[in-house]
Amino acid sequence: MRLYSLSEGDKRVDNSKQDGSILNLIQSQFQGLSKGQKAVARYILDHYDEATDQTAARIGHIVGVSESTVVRFATELGFEGYPHFQKELREELKGSLTAAQRMRATARLTDSDDILGKILLGDSENLHRAYEQRDLHSFRKATEMLLEAKRVYILGIRSCAPLASFLSFYLNLMLTDVRLIQTFSGSEIFEQILNIEEGDLFIGISFPRYSQRTLRAMAYAHDAGAATLAVTDRAESSLAQEADCALLSHSDMVSFVDSLTVTFSMLTALLVSVASNKQMLLTERLTFLEKVWDEYGVYVKNNDIKPQIPPLTRRDSDLPVGD
């Protein structure tokens, strides 16, 4: 029997403490390492949040060993090389870094004179990677799940709330019954999905640090017989493991502010996919909405924007009028 209590608040899943993690691997292999490799291991265990952005040469300089020693340390642990080790470490730690550690990672990003360029370039690389690794099977399955659902429940907490709101806004134009779950308190989440049942769809959106509330609500929906769709970063995440289908959106950037660029792009594609199957209904609804918007003045029209002419002052009125 599952327990759905949220009395302990919105706890987070700490992947770094799970068996088989990289940090545990370093500790278990420590005695078999060379003297120089042990120095590298100690540094990474003590400064793992900084090591995610440091080159092999930089770590070697800090601990007083050669760059090749750092590379051999990574291969000794079973990785293809230091870049592979660093990538896996970054992925693992994204789910466990505290807000303060993320802030330190952000500070390292701001060392650049061109913060805007660095963030845009990072997002661009993440978008390219998402394109190369796109999973069309899961994407098509997610589209089918939305089209077949009687009711759709969407949950995104904290920084994931804008994603949930965005998805809900547009799905409401296309589907009959879409419900954005409000997250003011943990107990209210379960009250809002109390009647979820077979034939319904629950969409849970969560990224590191993963929300226990989202995971538990998805578990409840799954046990109630509803279909479940996860929007998250890794197939190994608890949310993806709980779901019938997962849409994965990856970001390499580790900072205090979560980058949602790839996820918004993926959700946009999902909405367009659903819309392509609802063209006639969507056209009718939008035509009707245009009339409503026009009648109630929802949007500003071009002819409503008039130039502001300053009022005539006493001094202006006293001036002689020229020919």
C-alpha atoms as a PDB file:
ATOM      1  CA  MET A   1       0.000   0.000   0.000  1.00  0.00           C
ATOM      2  CA  ARG A   2       1.319   3.451  -0.949  1.00  0.00           C
ATOM      3  CA  LEU A   3       1.474   6.364   1.455  1.00  0.00           C
ATOM      4  CA  TYR A   4       0.572   9.761   0.025  1.00  0.00           C
ATOM      5  CA  SER A   5       0.996  11.873   3.162  1.00  0.00           C
ATOM      6  CA  LEU A   6       2.645  15.250   2.645  1.00  0.00           C
ATOM      7  CA  SER A   7       2.803  16.186   6.302  1.00  0.00           C
ATOM      8  CA  GLU A   8       6.566  16.527   6.095  1.00  0.00           C
ATOM      9  CA  GLY A   9       6.362  19.150   3.354  1.00  0.00           C
ATOM     10  CA  ASP A  10       7.764  19.286  -0.129  1.00  0.00           C
ATOM     11  CA  LYS A  11      10.846  17.127   0.314  1.00  0.00           C
ATOM     12  CA  ARG A  12      13.250  16.451  -2.516  1.00  0.00           C
ATOM     13  CA  VAL A  13      14.759  13.278  -3.861  1.00  0.00           C
ATOM     14  CA  ASP A  14      18.508  13.177  -3.173  1.00  0.00           C
ATOM     15  CA  ASN A  15      20.078  11.034  -5.883  1.00  0.00           C
ATOM     16  CA  SER A  16      23.586  11.487  -4.518  1.00  0.00           C
ATOM     17  CA  LYS A  17      22.724   9.301  -1.541  1.00  0.00           C
ATOM     18  CA  GLN A  18      21.397   6.398  -3.586  1.00  0.00           C
ATOM     19  CA  ASP A  19      23.482   3.226  -3.897  1.00  0.00           C
ATOM     20  CA  GLY A  20      25.534   3.166  -7.081  1.00  0.00           C
ATOM     21  CA  SER A  21      26.041   6.929  -7.251  1.00  0.00           C
ATOM     22  CA  ILE A  22      29.316   8.363  -8.523  1.00  0.00           C
ATOM     23  CA  LEU A  23      30.273   9.697  -5.094  1.00  0.00           C
ATOM     24  CA  ASN A  24      29.673   6.285  -3.562  1.00  0.00           C
ATOM     25  CA  LEU A  25      31.672   4.733  -6.393  1.00  0.00           C
ATOM     26  CA  ILE A  26      34.634   7.006  -5.625  1.00  0.00           C
ATOM     27  CA  GLN A  27      34.483   6.082  -1.942  1.00  0.00           C
ATOM     28  CA  SER A  28      34.260   2.356  -2.661  1.00  0.00           C
ATOM     29  CA  GLN A  29      37.198   2.435  -5.098  1.00  0.00           C
ATOM     30  CA  PHE A  30      39.311   4.865  -3.090  1.00  0.00           C
ATOM     31  CA  GLN A  31      41.787   2.357  -1.566  1.00  0.00           C
ATOM     32  CA  GLY A  32      42.698   0.976  -4.978  1.00  0.00           C
ATOM     33  CA  LEU A  33      43.678   4.349  -6.426  1.00  0.00           C
ATOM     34  CA  SER A  34      47.207   5.682  -6.792  1.00  0.00           C
ATOM     35  CA  LYS A  35      48.485   8.460  -4.526  1.00  0.00           C
ATOM     36  CA  GLY A  36      47.801  11.149  -7.137  1.00  0.00           C
ATOM     37  CA  GLN A  37      44.371   9.740  -7.969  1.00  0.00           C
ATOM     38  CA  LYS A  38      43.484   9.705  -4.268  1.00  0.00           C
ATOM     39  CA  ALA A  39      44.257  13.436  -4.142  1.00  0.00           C
ATOM     40  CA  VAL A  40      41.854  13.958  -7.058  1.00  0.00           C
ATOM     41  CA  ALA A  41      39.218  11.791  -5.343  1.00  0.00           C
ATOM     42  CA  ARG A  42      39.462  13.754  -2.093  1.00  0.00           C
ATOM     43  CA  TYR A  43      39.063  17.027  -3.950  1.00  0.00           C
ATOM     44  CA  ILE A  44      35.983  15.867  -5.863  1.00  0.00           C
ATOM     45  CA  LEU A  45      34.356  14.404  -2.750  1.00  0.00           C
ATOM     46  CA  ASP A  46      34.878  17.709  -0.936  1.00  0.00           C
ATOM     47  CA  HIS A  47      34.125  20.061  -3.872  1.00  0.00           C
ATOM     48  CA  TYR A  48      31.829  18.042  -6.143  1.00  0.00           C
ATOM     49  CA  ASP A  49      29.619  21.046  -6.908  1.00  0.00           C
ATOM     50  CA  GLU A  50      32.637  22.940  -8.251  1.00  0.00           C
ATOM     51  CA  ALA A  51      34.132  19.950 -10.083  1.00  0.00           C
ATOM     52  CA  THR A  52      31.159  19.815 -12.451  1.00  0.00           C
ATOM     53  CA  ASP A  53      32.495  22.908 -14.241  1.00  0.00           C
ATOM     54  CA  GLN A  54      36.253  22.468 -13.848  1.00  0.00           C
ATOM     55  CA  THR A  55      38.541  21.030 -16.503  1.00  0.00           C
ATOM     56  CA  ALA A  56      40.901  18.146 -15.819  1.00  0.00           C
ATOM     57  CA  ALA A  57      43.805  20.578 -16.117  1.00  0.00           C
ATOM     58  CA  ARG A  58      42.240  22.924 -13.556  1.00  0.00           C
ATOM     59  CA  ILE A  59      41.651  20.157 -11.003  1.00  0.00           C
ATOM     60  CA  GLY A  60      45.170  18.855 -11.561  1.00  0.00           C
ATOM     61  CA  HIS A  61      46.572  22.321 -10.904  1.00  0.00           C
ATOM     62  CA  ILE A  62      44.546  22.703  -7.689  1.00  0.00           C
ATOM     63  CA  VAL A  63      45.547  19.359  -6.158  1.00  0.00           C
ATOM     64  CA  GLY A  64      49.107  19.342  -7.509  1.00  0.00           C
ATOM     65  CA  VAL A  65      48.965  16.499 -10.045  1.00  0.00           C
ATOM     66  CA  SER A  66      49.162  16.306 -13.826  1.00  0.00           C
ATOM     67  CA  GLU A  67      46.149  16.550 -16.117  1.00  0.00           C
ATOM     68  CA  SER A  68      46.777  12.966 -17.247  1.00  0.00           C
ATOM     69  CA  THR A  69      46.432  11.801 -13.618  1.00  0.00           C
ATOM     70  CA  VAL A  70      42.942  13.324 -13.473  1.00  0.00           C
ATOM     71  CA  VAL A  71      42.054  11.590 -16.742  1.00  0.00           C
ATOM     72  CA  ARG A  72      43.377   8.254 -15.486  1.00  0.00           C
ATOM     73  CA  PHE A  73      41.336   8.732 -12.290  1.00  0.00           C
ATOM     74  CA  ALA A  74      38.170   8.900 -14.404  1.00  0.00           C
ATOM     75  CA  THR A  75      39.064   5.855 -16.501  1.00  0.00           C
ATOM     76  CA  GLU A  76      40.021   3.909 -13.372  1.00  0.00           C
ATOM     77  CA  LEU A  77      36.424   4.377 -12.192  1.00  0.00           C
ATOM     78  CA  GLY A  78      35.135   2.924 -15.456  1.00  0.00           C
ATOM     79  CA  PHE A  79      34.393   6.067 -17.466  1.00  0.00           C
ATOM     80  CA  GLU A  80      35.493   6.623 -21.064  1.00  0.00           C
ATOM     81  CA  GLY A  81      37.436   9.702 -20.018  1.00  0.00           C
ATOM     82  CA  TYR A  82      37.199  12.820 -17.887  1.00  0.00           C
ATOM     83  CA  PRO A  83      34.485  14.542 -20.023  1.00  0.00           C
ATOM     84  CA  HIS A  84      32.285  11.440 -19.642  1.00  0.00           C
ATOM     85  CA  PHE A  85      32.900  11.367 -15.880  1.00  0.00           C
ATOM     86  CA  GLN A  86      32.138  15.091 -15.558  1.00  0.00           C
ATOM     87  CA  LYS A  87      28.927  14.812 -17.605  1.00  0.00           C
ATOM     88  CA  GLU A  88      27.631  11.950 -15.444  1.00  0.00           C
ATOM     89  CA  LEU A  89      28.624  13.776 -12.251  1.00  0.00           C
ATOM     90  CA  ARG A  90      26.800  16.900 -13.393  1.00  0.00           C
ATOM     91  CA  GLU A  91      23.679  14.899 -14.234  1.00  0.00           C
ATOM     92  CA  GLU A  92      23.686  13.128 -10.887  1.00  0.00           C
ATOM     93  CA  LEU A  93      24.292  16.202  -8.779  1.00  0.00           C
ATOM     94  CA  LYS A  94      21.629  18.333 -10.437  1.00  0.00           C
ATOM     95  CA  GLY A  95      19.111  16.411  -8.376  1.00  0.00           C
ATOM     96  CA  SER A  96      20.878  16.964  -5.065  1.00  0.00           C
ATOM     97  CA  LEU A  97      22.588  20.369  -5.097  1.00  0.00           C
ATOM     98  CA  THR A  98      21.277  22.775  -2.491  1.00  0.00           C
ATOM     99  CA  ALA A  99      20.135  26.270  -3.420  1.00  0.00           C
ATOM    100  CA  ALA A 100      23.389  27.662  -2.018  1.00  0.00           C
ATOM    101  CA  GLN A 101      25.472  25.278  -4.134  1.00  0.00           C
ATOM    102  CA  ARG A 102      23.448  26.220  -7.206  1.00  0.00           C
ATOM    103  CA  MET A 103      24.117  29.856  -6.404  1.00  0.00           C
ATOM    104  CA  ARG A 104      27.848  29.168  -6.373  1.00  0.00           C
ATOM    105  CA  ALA A 105      27.492  27.474  -9.763  1.00  0.00           C
ATOM    106  CA  THR A 106      25.680  30.575 -11.019  1.00  0.00           C
ATOM    107  CA  ALA A 107      28.521  32.744  -9.746  1.00  0.00           C
ATOM    108  CA  ARG A 108      30.938  30.735 -11.874  1.00  0.00           C
ATOM    109  CA  LEU A 109      28.737  31.366 -14.915  1.00  0.00           C
ATOM    110  CA  THR A 110      28.837  35.096 -14.244  1.00  0.00           C
ATOM    111  CA  ASP A 111      32.633  35.123 -14.441  1.00  0.00           C
ATOM    112  CA  SER A 112      32.157  35.677 -18.164  1.00  0.00           C
ATOM    113  CA  ASP A 113      32.023  39.210 -19.583  1.00  0.00           C
ATOM    114  CA  ASP A 114      29.176  38.050 -21.827  1.00  0.00           C
ATOM    115  CA  ILE A 115      26.624  36.361 -19.561  1.00  0.00           C
ATOM    116  CA  LEU A 116      23.877  36.765 -22.169  1.00  0.00           C
ATOM    117  CA  GLY A 117      25.963  35.092 -24.856  1.00  0.00           C
ATOM    118  CA  LYS A 118      26.989  32.264 -22.533  1.00  0.00           C
ATOM    119  CA  ILE A 119      23.395  31.464 -21.524  1.00  0.00           C
ATOM    120  CA  LEU A 120      22.096  31.732 -25.107  1.00  0.00           C
ATOM    121  CA  LEU A 121      24.886  29.481 -26.339  1.00  0.00           C
ATOM    122  CA  GLY A 122      24.140  26.967 -23.594  1.00  0.00           C
ATOM    123  CA  ASP A 123      20.441  26.905 -24.495  1.00  0.00           C
ATOM    124  CA  SER A 124      21.311  26.585 -28.167  1.00  0.00           C
ATOM    125  CA  GLU A 125      23.521  23.564 -27.461  1.00  0.00           C
ATOM    126  CA  ASN A 126      20.799  21.999 -25.334  1.00  0.00           C
ATOM    127  CA  LEU A 127      18.236  22.509 -28.111  1.00  0.00           C
ATOM    128  CA  HIS A 128      20.577  20.907 -30.645  1.00  0.00           C
ATOM    129  CA  ARG A 129      21.126  17.938 -28.332  1.00  0.00           C
ATOM    130  CA  ALA A 130      17.364  17.603 -27.813  1.00  0.00           C
ATOM    131  CA  TYR A 131      16.880  17.534 -31.582  1.00  0.00           C
ATOM    132  CA  GLU A 132      19.548  14.848 -32.035  1.00  0.00           C
ATOM    133  CA  GLN A 133      18.142  12.705 -29.203  1.00  0.00           C
ATOM    134  CA  ARG A 134      14.416  13.255 -29.822  1.00  0.00           C
ATOM    135  CA  ASP A 135      12.224  10.258 -29.048  1.00  0.00           C
ATOM    136  CA  LEU A 136       9.460  10.251 -31.658  1.00  0.00           C
ATOM    137  CA  HIS A 137       7.847   7.109 -30.266  1.00  0.00           C
ATOM    138  CA  SER A 138       7.281   8.661 -26.827  1.00  0.00           C
ATOM    139  CA  PHE A 139       6.227  11.947 -28.425  1.00  0.00           C
ATOM    140  CA  ARG A 140       3.559  10.244 -30.556  1.00  0.00           C
ATOM    141  CA  LYS A 141       2.382   8.197 -27.582  1.00  0.00           C
ATOM    142  CA  ALA A 142       2.019  11.386 -25.507  1.00  0.00           C
ATOM    143  CA  THR A 143      -0.063  12.936 -28.285  1.00  0.00           C
ATOM    144  CA  GLU A 144      -2.337   9.886 -28.385  1.00  0.00           C
ATOM    145  CA  MET A 145      -2.739   9.932 -24.610  1.00  0.00           C
ATOM    146  CA  LEU A 146      -3.924  13.543 -24.724  1.00  0.00           C
ATOM    147  CA  LEU A 147      -6.340  12.889 -27.578  1.00  0.00           C
ATOM    148  CA  GLU A 148      -7.857   9.829 -25.877  1.00  0.00           C
ATOM    149  CA  ALA A 149      -8.185  11.229 -22.327  1.00  0.00           C
ATOM    150  CA  LYS A 150     -11.596  12.098 -20.874  1.00  0.00           C
ATOM    151  CA  ARG A 151     -10.021  14.562 -18.450  1.00  0.00           C
ATOM    152  CA  VAL A 152      -6.481  15.891 -18.252  1.00  0.00           C
ATOM    153  CA  TYR A 153      -4.893  16.883 -14.937  1.00  0.00           C
ATOM    154  CA  ILE A 154      -1.642  18.883 -15.050  1.00  0.00           C
ATOM    155  CA  LEU A 155       0.716  19.438 -12.107  1.00  0.00           C
ATOM    156  CA  GLY A 156       3.881  21.517 -12.011  1.00  0.00           C
ATOM    157  CA  ILE A 157       5.277  22.897  -8.749  1.00  0.00           C
ATOM    158  CA  ARG A 158       7.578  25.860  -8.084  1.00  0.00           C
ATOM    159  CA  SER A 159       9.707  26.624 -11.158  1.00  0.00           C
ATOM    160  CA  CYS A 160       7.700  24.031 -13.103  1.00  0.00           C
ATOM    161  CA  ALA A 161       4.435  25.939 -12.527  1.00  0.00           C
ATOM    162  CA  PRO A 162       4.885  28.151 -15.645  1.00  0.00           C
ATOM    163  CA  LEU A 163       5.293  25.016 -17.766  1.00  0.00           C
ATOM    164  CA  ALA A 164       2.079  23.530 -16.373  1.00  0.00           C
ATOM    165  CA  SER A 165       0.219  26.816 -16.887  1.00  0.00           C
ATOM    166  CA  PHE A 166       1.461  27.143 -20.472  1.00  0.00           C
ATOM    167  CA  LEU A 167       0.408  23.592 -21.333  1.00  0.00           C
ATOM    168  CA  SER A 168      -2.970  23.983 -19.634  1.00  0.00           C
ATOM    169  CA  PHE A 169      -3.774  27.295 -21.360  1.00  0.00           C
ATOM    170  CA  TYR A 170      -3.456  25.910 -24.870  1.00  0.00           C
ATOM    171  CA  LEU A 171      -4.895  22.459 -24.172  1.00  0.00           C
ATOM    172  CA  ASN A 172      -8.022  24.161 -22.854  1.00  0.00           C
ATOM    173  CA  LEU A 173      -8.574  25.546 -26.349  1.00  0.00           C
ATOM    174  CA  MET A 174      -8.450  22.068 -27.861  1.00  0.00           C
ATOM    175  CA  LEU A 175      -9.740  19.562 -25.320  1.00  0.00           C
ATOM    176  CA  THR A 176     -12.981  19.288 -23.382  1.00  0.00           C
ATOM    177  CA  ASP A 177     -11.802  19.016 -19.783  1.00  0.00           C
ATOM    178  CA  VAL A 178      -8.331  20.215 -18.768  1.00  0.00           C
ATOM    179  CA  ARG A 179      -7.554  20.940 -15.124  1.00  0.00           C
ATOM    180  CA  LEU A 180      -4.525  22.834 -13.893  1.00  0.00           C
ATOM    181  CA  ILE A 181      -3.860  21.645 -10.348  1.00  0.00           C
ATOM    182  CA  GLN A 182      -3.329  24.500  -7.904  1.00  0.00           C
ATOM    183  CA  THR A 183      -0.435  23.993  -5.530  1.00  0.00           C
ATOM    184  CA  PHE A 184      -1.112  26.265  -2.574  1.00  0.00           C
ATOM    185  CA  SER A 185      -0.810  23.328  -0.175  1.00  0.00           C
ATOM    186  CA  GLY A 186       0.007  19.640  -0.338  1.00  0.00           C
ATOM    187  CA  SER A 187      -3.383  18.411   0.846  1.00  0.00           C
ATOM    188  CA  GLU A 188      -5.220  20.492  -1.755  1.00  0.00           C
ATOM    189  CA  ILE A 189      -3.414  18.657  -4.537  1.00  0.00           C
ATOM    190  CA  PHE A 190      -5.021  15.371  -3.542  1.00  0.00           C
ATOM    191  CA  GLU A 191      -8.410  17.022  -3.109  1.00  0.00           C
ATOM    192  CA  GLN A 192      -8.220  18.243  -6.713  1.00  0.00           C
ATOM    193  CA  ILE A 193      -7.418  14.782  -8.102  1.00  0.00           C
ATOM    194  CA  LEU A 194      -9.709  12.908  -5.725  1.00  0.00           C
ATOM    195  CA  ASN A 195     -12.012  11.730  -8.540  1.00  0.00           C
ATOM    196  CA  ILE A 196      -9.317  10.879 -11.079  1.00  0.00           C
ATOM    197  CA  GLU A 197     -10.033   7.491 -12.646  1.00  0.00           C
ATOM    198  CA  GLU A 198      -9.444   5.184 -15.562  1.00  0.00           C
ATOM    199  CA  GLY A 199      -9.724   7.084 -18.837  1.00  0.00           C
ATOM    200  CA  ASP A 200      -8.184  10.234 -17.351  1.00  0.00           C
ATOM    201  CA  LEU A 201      -4.628  11.459 -17.878  1.00  0.00           C
ATOM    202  CA  PHE A 202      -2.307  12.880 -15.227  1.00  0.00           C
ATOM    203  CA  ILE A 203       0.667  14.954 -16.418  1.00  0.00           C
ATOM    204  CA  GLY A 204       3.420  15.526 -13.867  1.00  0.00           C
ATOM    205  CA  ILE A 205       6.215  18.013 -14.589  1.00  0.00           C
ATOM    206  CA  SER A 206       9.316  17.974 -12.405  1.00  0.00           C
ATOM    207  CA  PHE A 207      13.048  18.569 -12.753  1.00  0.00           C
ATOM    208  CA  PRO A 208      15.950  18.493 -10.310  1.00  0.00           C
ATOM    209  CA  ARG A 209      15.482  18.978  -7.478  1.00  0.00           C
ATOM    210  CA  TYR A 210      12.517  16.627  -7.948  1.00  0.00           C
ATOM    211  CA  SER A 211       9.335  17.397  -6.032  1.00  0.00           C
ATOM    212  CA  GLN A 212       7.960  14.682  -3.770  1.00  0.00           C
ATOM    213  CA  ARG A 213       4.486  16.206  -4.088  1.00  0.00           C
ATOM    214  CA  THR A 214       4.463  15.699  -7.847  1.00  0.00           C
ATOM    215  CA  LEU A 215       5.790  12.149  -7.519  1.00  0.00           C
ATOM    216  CA  ARG A 216       3.226  11.188  -4.886  1.00  0.00           C
ATOM    217  CA  ALA A 217       0.346  12.744  -6.809  1.00  0.00           C
ATOM    218  CA  MET A 218       1.383  10.765  -9.897  1.00  0.00           C
ATOM    219  CA  ALA A 219       1.546   7.579  -7.832  1.00  0.00           C
ATOM    220  CA  TYR A 220      -1.991   8.272  -6.591  1.00  0.00           C
ATOM    221  CA  ALA A 221      -3.238   8.857 -10.150  1.00  0.00           C
ATOM    222  CA  HIS A 222      -1.547   5.680 -11.353  1.00  0.00           C
ATOM    223  CA  ASP A 223      -3.132   3.618  -8.561  1.00  0.00           C
ATOM    224  CA  ALA A 224      -6.526   5.111  -9.436  1.00  0.00           C
ATOM    225  CA  GLY A 225      -6.201   3.681 -12.950  1.00  0.00           C
ATOM    226  CA  ALA A 226      -5.419   6.909 -14.809  1.00  0.00           C
ATOM    227  CA  ALA A 227      -2.799   7.120 -17.530  1.00  0.00           C
ATOM    228  CA  THR A 228       0.322   9.017 -16.466  1.00  0.00           C
ATOM    229  CA  LEU A 229       2.701  11.192 -18.464  1.00  0.00           C
ATOM    230  CA  ALA A 230       5.954  12.551 -17.032  1.00  0.00           C
ATOM    231  CA  VAL A 231       7.797  15.624 -18.282  1.00  0.00           C
ATOM    232  CA  THR A 232      11.235  15.410 -16.738  1.00  0.00           C
ATOM    233  CA  ASP A 233      14.957  15.226 -17.511  1.00  0.00           C
ATOM    234  CA  ARG A 234      16.032  11.595 -17.212  1.00  0.00           C
ATOM    235  CA  ALA A 235      14.556   8.160 -17.855  1.00  0.00           C
ATOM    236  CA  GLU A 236      16.120   7.087 -14.545  1.00  0.00           C
ATOM    237  CA  SER A 237      14.246   9.723 -12.527  1.00  0.00           C
ATOM    238  CA  SER A 238      11.580   8.516 -10.114  1.00  0.00           C
ATOM    239  CA  LEU A 239       8.904  10.443 -11.998  1.00  0.00           C
ATOM    240  CA  ALA A 240       9.760   8.808 -15.329  1.00  0.00           C
ATOM    241  CA  GLN A 241       9.867   5.386 -13.686  1.00  0.00           C
ATOM    242  CA  GLU A 242       6.370   5.936 -12.259  1.00  0.00           C
ATOM    243  CA  ALA A 243       4.845   7.130 -15.548  1.00  0.00           C
ATOM    244  CA  ASP A 244       3.362   5.200 -18.468  1.00  0.00           C
ATOM    245  CA  CYS A 245       5.180   7.559 -20.825  1.00  0.00           C
ATOM    246  CA  ALA A 246       7.936  10.139 -20.334  1.00  0.00           C
ATOM    247  CA  LEU A 247       8.972  13.145 -22.392  1.00  0.00           C
ATOM    248  CA  LEU A 248      12.579  13.935 -21.559  1.00  0.00           C
ATOM    249  CA  SER A 249      14.003  17.436 -21.653  1.00  0.00           C
ATOM    250  CA  HIS A 250      17.659  17.817 -20.799  1.00  0.00           C
ATOM    251  CA  SER A 251      19.700  20.830 -19.757  1.00  0.00           C
ATOM    252  CA  ASP A 252      23.435  20.791 -19.007  1.00  0.00           C
ATOM    253  CA  MET A 253      23.412  24.121 -17.198  1.00  0.00           C
ATOM    254  CA  VAL A 254      23.658  23.981 -13.413  1.00  0.00           C
ATOM    255  CA  SER A 255      22.636  27.293 -11.898  1.00  0.00           C
ATOM    256  CA  PHE A 256      20.334  28.928  -9.390  1.00  0.00           C
ATOM    257  CA  VAL A 257      17.866  29.689 -12.221  1.00  0.00           C
ATOM    258  CA  ASP A 258      16.505  26.670 -14.083  1.00  0.00           C
ATOM    259  CA  SER A 259      16.658  26.890 -17.872  1.00  0.00           C
ATOM    260  CA  LEU A 260      13.252  25.867 -19.273  1.00  0.00           C
ATOM    261  CA  THR A 261      14.011  26.642 -22.921  1.00  0.00           C
ATOM    262  CA  VAL A 262      14.144  23.054 -24.189  1.00  0.00           C
ATOM    263  CA  THR A 263      11.059  22.049 -22.200  1.00  0.00           C
ATOM    264  CA  PHE A 264       8.981  24.942 -23.519  1.00  0.00           C
ATOM    265  CA  SER A 265      10.058  24.011 -27.041  1.00  0.00           C
ATOM    266  CA  MET A 266       9.098  20.373 -26.526  1.00  0.00           C
ATOM    267  CA  LEU A 267       5.706  21.292 -25.036  1.00  0.00           C
ATOM    268  CA  THR A 268       5.091  23.661 -27.945  1.00  0.00           C
ATOM    269  CA  ALA A 269       5.688  20.768 -30.347  1.00  0.00           C
ATOM    270  CA  LEU A 270       3.289  18.593 -28.316  1.00  0.00           C
ATOM    271  CA  LEU A 271       0.581  21.278 -28.501  1.00  0.00           C
ATOM    272  CA  VAL A 272       1.053  21.665 -32.252  1.00  0.00           C
ATOM    273  CA  SER A 273       0.795  17.883 -32.616  1.00  0.00           C
ATOM    274  CA  VAL A 274      -2.506  17.808 -30.706  1.00  0.00           C
ATOM    275  CA  ALA A 275      -3.781  20.815 -32.667  1.00  0.00           C
ATOM    276  CA  SER A 276      -3.043  19.069 -35.976  1.00  0.00           C
ATOM    277  CA  ASN A 277      -5.509  16.366 -34.910  1.00  0.00           C
ATOM    278  CA  LYS A 278      -8.135  18.903 -33.803  1.00  0.00           C
ATOM    279  CA  GLN A 279      -8.029  21.344 -36.708  1.00  0.00           C
ATOM    280  CA  MET A 280     -11.770  21.602 -37.379  1.00  0.00           C
ATOM    281  CA  LEU A 281     -12.772  21.903 -33.708  1.00  0.00           C
ATOM    282  CA  LEU A 282      -9.940  24.305 -32.967  1.00  0.00           C
ATOM    283  CA  THR A 283     -10.847  26.518 -35.935  1.00  0.00           C
ATOM    284  CA  GLU A 284     -14.467  26.715 -34.765  1.00  0.00           C
ATOM    285  CA  ARG A 285     -13.456  27.537 -31.206  1.00  0.00           C
ATOM    286  CA  LEU A 286     -10.956  30.187 -32.228  1.00  0.00           C
ATOM    287  CA  THR A 287     -13.468  31.787 -34.603  1.00  0.00           C
ATOM    288  CA  PHE A 288     -15.985  32.000 -31.772  1.00  0.00           C
ATOM    289  CA  LEU A 289     -13.330  33.302 -29.364  1.00  0.00           C
ATOM    290  CA  GLU A 290     -12.320  36.036 -31.805  1.00  0.00           C
ATOM    291  CA  LYS A 291     -15.910  37.310 -31.698  1.00  0.00           C
ATOM    292  CA  VAL A 292     -15.916  37.213 -27.883  1.00  0.00           C
ATOM    293  CA  TRP A 293     -12.548  38.971 -27.680  1.00  0.00           C
ATOM    294  CA  ASP A 294     -13.744  41.645 -30.090  1.00  0.00           C
ATOM    295  CA  GLU A 295     -17.061  42.185 -28.284  1.00  0.00           C
ATOM    296  CA  TYR A 296     -15.475  42.511 -24.859  1.00  0.00           C
ATOM    297  CA  GLY A 297     -12.373  44.386 -25.956  1.00  0.00           C
ATOM    298  CA  VAL A 298      -9.861  41.781 -24.798  1.00  0.00           C
ATOM    299  CA  TYR A 299      -7.110  42.960 -27.140  1.00  0.00           C
ATOM    300  CA  VAL A 300      -6.024  46.437 -28.153  1.00  0.00           C
ATOM    301  CA  LYS A 301      -6.683  47.196 -31.821  1.00  0.00           C
ATOM    302  CA  ASN A 302      -4.386  49.299 -33.934  1.00  0.00           C
ATOM    303  CA  ASN A 303      -7.067  51.931 -34.505  1.00  0.00           C
ATOM    304  CA  ASP A 304      -7.545  52.201 -30.732  1.00  0.00           C
ATOM    305  CA  ILE A 305      -4.013  53.495 -30.340  1.00  0.00           C
ATOM    306  CA  LYS A 306      -4.226  57.247 -30.931  1.00  0.00           C
ATOM    307  CA  PRO A 307      -1.385  59.759 -30.696  1.00  0.00           C
ATOM    308  CA  GLN A 308      -1.374  61.633 -27.433  1.00  0.00           C
ATOM    309  CA  ILE A 309      -1.640  65.405 -28.166  1.00  0.00           C
ATOM    310  CA  PRO A 310      -0.565  67.511 -25.197  1.00  0.00           C
ATOM    311  CA  PRO A 311      -3.330  69.795 -23.877  1.00  0.00           C
ATOM    312  CA  LEU A 312      -3.224  73.483 -24.804  1.00  0.00           C
ATOM    313  CA  THR A 313      -1.752  75.568 -21.981  1.00  0.00           C
ATOM    314  CA  ARG A 314      -2.439  79.222 -21.162  1.00  0.00           C
ATOM    315  CA  ARG A 315       1.008  80.173 -22.382  1.00  0.00           C
ATOM    316  CA  ASP A 316       0.373  78.398 -25.710  1.00  0.00           C
ATOM    317  CA  SER A 317      -2.950  80.188 -26.198  1.00  0.00           C
ATOM    318  CA  ASP A 318      -1.323  83.582 -25.764  1.00  0.00           C
ATOM    319  CA  LEU A 319       1.080  83.000 -28.618  1.00  0.00           C
ATOM    320  CA  PRO A 320       0.246  84.738 -31.923  1.00  0.00           C
ATOM    321  CA  VAL A 321      -0.848  82.486 -34.740  1.00  0.00           C
ATOM    322  CA  GLY A 322       1.476  82.750 -37.759  1.00  0.00           C
ATOM    323  CA  ASP A 323       0.512  82.786 -41.417  1.00  0.00           C
END
